[in-house]
Amino acid sequence: MDAKSILIWVAIGIIAGWLASVVVGGGGIIRYLLTGVLGAFVGGFIFKFAGININLGNAYVNEIVVAAVGAIVVVLVARLLA
């Protein structure tokens, strides 16, 4: 991975984490990043397992939506377990 890819990955994670915090609450840039990046893995698994393929016209927007959905799931599961 080059530096550009890592920065894009971090930016998508932060945006997805922020979107998840808007829906379910939370805050802080580190929390946004952690929930967004973890949510990207969870969202990718959920969408692939369910056979859902979204196409919103832009690959980055697709990735942000998938990561945000995954981040919401991560936060809700964490709240259930806590």
C-alpha atoms as a PDB file:
ATOM      1  CA  MET A   1       0.000   0.000   0.000  1.00  0.00           C
ATOM      2  CA  ASP A   2       1.228   3.433  -0.782  1.00  0.00           C
ATOM      3  CA  ALA A   3       0.635   6.569   1.292  1.00  0.00           C
ATOM      4  CA  LYS A   4      -2.222   7.784  -0.910  1.00  0.00           C
ATOM      5  CA  SER A   5      -4.184   4.557  -0.416  1.00  0.00           C
ATOM      6  CA  ILE A   6      -3.709   4.699   3.344  1.00  0.00           C
ATOM      7  CA  LEU A   7      -4.873   8.316   3.482  1.00  0.00           C
ATOM      8  CA  ILE A   8      -7.974   7.494   1.425  1.00  0.00           C
ATOM      9  CA  TRP A   9      -8.689   4.532   3.710  1.00  0.00           C
ATOM     10  CA  VAL A  10      -8.353   6.755   6.794  1.00  0.00           C
ATOM     11  CA  ALA A  11     -10.555   9.462   5.265  1.00  0.00           C
ATOM     12  CA  ILE A  12     -13.271   6.938   4.402  1.00  0.00           C
ATOM     13  CA  GLY A  13     -13.063   5.536   7.928  1.00  0.00           C
ATOM     14  CA  ILE A  14     -13.413   8.969   9.527  1.00  0.00           C
ATOM     15  CA  ILE A  15     -16.356   9.943   7.310  1.00  0.00           C
ATOM     16  CA  ALA A  16     -18.116   6.616   7.878  1.00  0.00           C
ATOM     17  CA  GLY A  17     -17.537   6.830  11.632  1.00  0.00           C
ATOM     18  CA  TRP A  18     -18.908  10.363  11.678  1.00  0.00           C
ATOM     19  CA  LEU A  19     -22.012   9.261   9.749  1.00  0.00           C
ATOM     20  CA  ALA A  20     -22.522   6.408  12.217  1.00  0.00           C
ATOM     21  CA  SER A  21     -22.204   8.831  15.136  1.00  0.00           C
ATOM     22  CA  VAL A  22     -24.874  11.056  13.578  1.00  0.00           C
ATOM     23  CA  VAL A  23     -27.240   8.064  13.482  1.00  0.00           C
ATOM     24  CA  VAL A  24     -26.458   6.348  16.808  1.00  0.00           C
ATOM     25  CA  GLY A  25     -24.476   8.944  18.760  1.00  0.00           C
ATOM     26  CA  GLY A  26     -20.859   9.198  19.836  1.00  0.00           C
ATOM     27  CA  GLY A  27     -18.006  11.515  19.099  1.00  0.00           C
ATOM     28  CA  GLY A  28     -14.302  12.124  18.770  1.00  0.00           C
ATOM     29  CA  ILE A  29     -12.021  11.815  15.778  1.00  0.00           C
ATOM     30  CA  ILE A  30     -10.301   8.665  17.077  1.00  0.00           C
ATOM     31  CA  ARG A  31     -13.656   7.001  17.725  1.00  0.00           C
ATOM     32  CA  TYR A  32     -14.816   8.008  14.238  1.00  0.00           C
ATOM     33  CA  LEU A  33     -11.708   6.449  12.712  1.00  0.00           C
ATOM     34  CA  LEU A  34     -11.892   3.224  14.713  1.00  0.00           C
ATOM     35  CA  THR A  35     -15.594   2.631  14.176  1.00  0.00           C
ATOM     36  CA  GLY A  36     -15.329   3.607  10.503  1.00  0.00           C
ATOM     37  CA  VAL A  37     -12.426   1.291   9.730  1.00  0.00           C
ATOM     38  CA  LEU A  38     -13.898  -1.603  11.703  1.00  0.00           C
ATOM     39  CA  GLY A  39     -17.269  -0.814  10.146  1.00  0.00           C
ATOM     40  CA  ALA A  40     -15.738  -1.077   6.678  1.00  0.00           C
ATOM     41  CA  PHE A  41     -14.787  -4.685   7.357  1.00  0.00           C
ATOM     42  CA  VAL A  42     -18.127  -5.522   8.966  1.00  0.00           C
ATOM     43  CA  GLY A  43     -20.133  -3.695   6.291  1.00  0.00           C
ATOM     44  CA  GLY A  44     -18.162  -5.363   3.513  1.00  0.00           C
ATOM     45  CA  PHE A  45     -18.838  -8.766   5.047  1.00  0.00           C
ATOM     46  CA  ILE A  46     -22.560  -8.035   5.534  1.00  0.00           C
ATOM     47  CA  PHE A  47     -23.078  -6.699   2.020  1.00  0.00           C
ATOM     48  CA  LYS A  48     -21.110  -9.542   0.416  1.00  0.00           C
ATOM     49  CA  PHE A  49     -22.856 -12.211   2.517  1.00  0.00           C
ATOM     50  CA  ALA A  50     -26.300 -10.762   1.704  1.00  0.00           C
ATOM     51  CA  GLY A  51     -25.418 -10.396  -1.985  1.00  0.00           C
ATOM     52  CA  ILE A  52     -26.125  -6.672  -1.969  1.00  0.00           C
ATOM     53  CA  ASN A  53     -24.276  -4.605  -4.540  1.00  0.00           C
ATOM     54  CA  ILE A  54     -24.846  -0.868  -4.280  1.00  0.00           C
ATOM     55  CA  ASN A  55     -24.037   1.524  -7.069  1.00  0.00           C
ATOM     56  CA  LEU A  56     -24.400   5.171  -6.161  1.00  0.00           C
ATOM     57  CA  GLY A  57     -22.332   6.420  -9.081  1.00  0.00           C
ATOM     58  CA  ASN A  58     -18.992   6.812  -7.311  1.00  0.00           C
ATOM     59  CA  ALA A  59     -16.767   4.090  -5.867  1.00  0.00           C
ATOM     60  CA  TYR A  60     -15.768   6.217  -2.868  1.00  0.00           C
ATOM     61  CA  VAL A  61     -19.387   7.003  -2.024  1.00  0.00           C
ATOM     62  CA  ASN A  62     -20.203   3.294  -2.243  1.00  0.00           C
ATOM     63  CA  GLU A  63     -17.353   2.492   0.147  1.00  0.00           C
ATOM     64  CA  ILE A  64     -18.421   5.216   2.589  1.00  0.00           C
ATOM     65  CA  VAL A  65     -22.013   3.952   2.656  1.00  0.00           C
ATOM     66  CA  VAL A  66     -20.934   0.343   3.207  1.00  0.00           C
ATOM     67  CA  ALA A  67     -18.493   1.397   5.934  1.00  0.00           C
ATOM     68  CA  ALA A  68     -21.102   3.619   7.613  1.00  0.00           C
ATOM     69  CA  VAL A  69     -23.657   0.792   7.682  1.00  0.00           C
ATOM     70  CA  GLY A  70     -21.007  -1.494   9.145  1.00  0.00           C
ATOM     71  CA  ALA A  71     -20.013   1.136  11.709  1.00  0.00           C
ATOM     72  CA  ILE A  72     -23.631   1.504  12.806  1.00  0.00           C
ATOM     73  CA  VAL A  73     -23.834  -2.260  13.286  1.00  0.00           C
ATOM     74  CA  VAL A  74     -20.556  -2.242  15.244  1.00  0.00           C
ATOM     75  CA  VAL A  75     -21.757   0.527  17.569  1.00  0.00           C
ATOM     76  CA  LEU A  76     -25.144  -1.116  18.148  1.00  0.00           C
ATOM     77  CA  VAL A  77     -23.561  -4.507  18.893  1.00  0.00           C
ATOM     78  CA  ALA A  78     -21.053  -2.863  21.246  1.00  0.00           C
ATOM     79  CA  ARG A  79     -23.908  -1.162  23.105  1.00  0.00           C
ATOM     80  CA  LEU A  80     -25.782  -4.466  23.402  1.00  0.00           C
ATOM     81  CA  LEU A  81     -22.717  -6.166  24.864  1.00  0.00           C
ATOM     82  CA  ALA A  82     -21.832  -3.346  27.262  1.00  0.00           C
END
